[in-house]
Amino acid sequence: MTATAHTAPRARARSRTGGPDDRGPKILEHVLGWTLVVLLAVLVTRAGLI
């Protein structure tokens, strides 16, 4: 057994480090992100910065 093949199962068994969860609702993230972009564009336009 090589060293790479031996460490692969242990790497999957490690605990998570608190990063983003891949199982979350991605559509909600997209909607909130685009809402923020549109809101920022409206505020910049209203302030006369463009």
N, C-alpha and C. Protein backbone atom coordinates (compact mmCIF):
# COMPACT_ATOMS: atom_id res chain seq x y z
N MET A 1 0.85 -1.18 0.00
CA MET A 1 0.00 0.00 0.00
C MET A 1 0.90 1.24 0.00
N THR A 2 0.60 2.18 -0.87
CA THR A 2 1.42 3.40 -0.93
C THR A 2 0.99 4.38 0.15
N ALA A 3 1.80 5.38 0.35
CA ALA A 3 1.50 6.38 1.38
C ALA A 3 0.25 7.18 1.01
N THR A 4 0.05 7.45 -0.27
CA THR A 4 -1.12 8.22 -0.70
C THR A 4 -2.40 7.42 -0.49
N ALA A 5 -2.37 6.16 -0.83
CA ALA A 5 -3.55 5.32 -0.67
C ALA A 5 -3.86 5.09 0.81
N HIS A 6 -2.85 5.13 1.64
CA HIS A 6 -3.05 4.89 3.06
C HIS A 6 -3.65 6.09 3.77
N THR A 7 -3.33 7.31 3.34
CA THR A 7 -3.83 8.51 4.03
C THR A 7 -5.18 8.98 3.49
N ALA A 8 -5.62 8.48 2.34
CA ALA A 8 -6.88 8.95 1.75
C ALA A 8 -8.09 8.68 2.64
N PRO A 9 -8.27 7.50 3.22
CA PRO A 9 -9.45 7.30 4.07
C PRO A 9 -9.43 8.18 5.32
N ARG A 10 -8.25 8.46 5.86
CA ARG A 10 -8.19 9.30 7.06
C ARG A 10 -8.52 10.75 6.74
N ALA A 11 -8.21 11.22 5.54
CA ALA A 11 -8.49 12.60 5.18
C ALA A 11 -9.99 12.85 5.12
N ARG A 12 -10.76 11.87 4.68
CA ARG A 12 -12.21 12.03 4.62
C ARG A 12 -12.84 11.98 6.00
N ALA A 13 -12.19 11.36 6.96
CA ALA A 13 -12.75 11.20 8.30
C ALA A 13 -12.49 12.41 9.19
N ARG A 14 -11.74 13.37 8.72
CA ARG A 14 -11.43 14.55 9.55
C ARG A 14 -12.68 15.37 9.81
N SER A 15 -12.66 16.08 10.93
CA SER A 15 -13.80 16.93 11.24
C SER A 15 -13.75 18.20 10.40
N ARG A 16 -14.91 18.81 10.21
CA ARG A 16 -14.98 20.04 9.41
C ARG A 16 -14.37 21.19 10.18
N THR A 17 -13.92 22.21 9.45
CA THR A 17 -13.25 23.34 10.06
C THR A 17 -14.13 24.57 10.18
N GLY A 18 -15.41 24.44 9.88
CA GLY A 18 -16.31 25.57 10.01
C GLY A 18 -16.49 26.35 8.73
N GLY A 19 -16.07 25.81 7.61
CA GLY A 19 -16.24 26.49 6.33
C GLY A 19 -17.69 26.43 5.87
N PRO A 20 -17.95 26.95 4.67
CA PRO A 20 -19.32 26.94 4.18
C PRO A 20 -19.85 25.53 3.98
N ASP A 21 -21.11 25.37 4.25
CA ASP A 21 -21.76 24.07 4.14
C ASP A 21 -22.24 23.88 2.70
N ASP A 22 -21.82 22.81 2.04
CA ASP A 22 -22.17 22.59 0.65
C ASP A 22 -23.60 22.12 0.47
N ARG A 23 -24.26 21.74 1.53
CA ARG A 23 -25.62 21.22 1.42
C ARG A 23 -26.68 22.30 1.60
N GLY A 24 -26.29 23.54 1.77
CA GLY A 24 -27.23 24.62 2.05
C GLY A 24 -28.06 25.02 0.84
N PRO A 25 -29.05 25.88 1.05
CA PRO A 25 -29.92 26.32 -0.04
C PRO A 25 -29.21 27.32 -0.96
N LYS A 26 -28.72 26.84 -2.07
CA LYS A 26 -27.95 27.70 -2.97
C LYS A 26 -28.81 28.76 -3.65
N ILE A 27 -30.08 28.45 -3.91
CA ILE A 27 -30.94 29.43 -4.57
C ILE A 27 -31.14 30.64 -3.67
N LEU A 28 -31.23 30.43 -2.38
CA LEU A 28 -31.39 31.55 -1.44
C LEU A 28 -30.16 32.43 -1.46
N GLU A 29 -28.98 31.84 -1.53
CA GLU A 29 -27.75 32.63 -1.59
C GLU A 29 -27.71 33.47 -2.86
N HIS A 30 -28.12 32.89 -3.98
CA HIS A 30 -28.11 33.62 -5.24
C HIS A 30 -29.11 34.78 -5.22
N VAL A 31 -30.30 34.53 -4.70
CA VAL A 31 -31.31 35.58 -4.65
C VAL A 31 -30.86 36.72 -3.74
N LEU A 32 -30.34 36.39 -2.59
CA LEU A 32 -29.87 37.44 -1.67
C LEU A 32 -28.67 38.19 -2.25
N GLY A 33 -27.80 37.48 -2.94
CA GLY A 33 -26.64 38.14 -3.55
C GLY A 33 -27.05 39.12 -4.63
N TRP A 34 -27.97 38.71 -5.52
CA TRP A 34 -28.42 39.60 -6.58
C TRP A 34 -29.25 40.75 -6.03
N THR A 35 -29.99 40.51 -4.96
CA THR A 35 -30.73 41.59 -4.33
C THR A 35 -29.77 42.64 -3.78
N LEU A 36 -28.69 42.21 -3.19
CA LEU A 36 -27.68 43.15 -2.70
C LEU A 36 -27.05 43.94 -3.84
N VAL A 37 -26.77 43.28 -4.95
CA VAL A 37 -26.18 43.96 -6.11
C VAL A 37 -27.13 45.03 -6.65
N VAL A 38 -28.40 44.68 -6.79
CA VAL A 38 -29.38 45.64 -7.30
C VAL A 38 -29.55 46.80 -6.34
N LEU A 39 -29.62 46.52 -5.05
CA LEU A 39 -29.76 47.58 -4.05
C LEU A 39 -28.56 48.52 -4.09
N LEU A 40 -27.38 47.98 -4.20
CA LEU A 40 -26.18 48.82 -4.28
C LEU A 40 -26.19 49.67 -5.54
N ALA A 41 -26.62 49.09 -6.67
CA ALA A 41 -26.69 49.85 -7.92
C ALA A 41 -27.69 50.99 -7.82
N VAL A 42 -28.82 50.74 -7.18
CA VAL A 42 -29.83 51.79 -7.01
C VAL A 42 -29.28 52.91 -6.13
N LEU A 43 -28.64 52.56 -5.05
CA LEU A 43 -28.10 53.58 -4.14
C LEU A 43 -27.01 54.41 -4.82
N VAL A 44 -26.15 53.77 -5.59
CA VAL A 44 -25.08 54.49 -6.28
C VAL A 44 -25.67 55.42 -7.33
N THR A 45 -26.68 54.94 -8.04
CA THR A 45 -27.32 55.77 -9.07
C THR A 45 -28.05 56.95 -8.45
N ARG A 46 -28.77 56.70 -7.38
CA ARG A 46 -29.51 57.78 -6.69
C ARG A 46 -28.56 58.83 -6.11
N ALA A 47 -27.39 58.40 -5.67
CA ALA A 47 -26.43 59.34 -5.08
C ALA A 47 -25.70 60.13 -6.16
N GLY A 48 -25.88 59.76 -7.41
CA GLY A 48 -25.26 60.50 -8.51
C GLY A 48 -23.79 60.17 -8.70
N LEU A 49 -23.38 59.00 -8.27
CA LEU A 49 -21.97 58.63 -8.40
C LEU A 49 -21.66 58.05 -9.78
N ILE A 50 -22.69 57.76 -10.55
CA ILE A 50 -22.46 57.25 -11.92
C ILE A 50 -23.06 58.24 -12.88
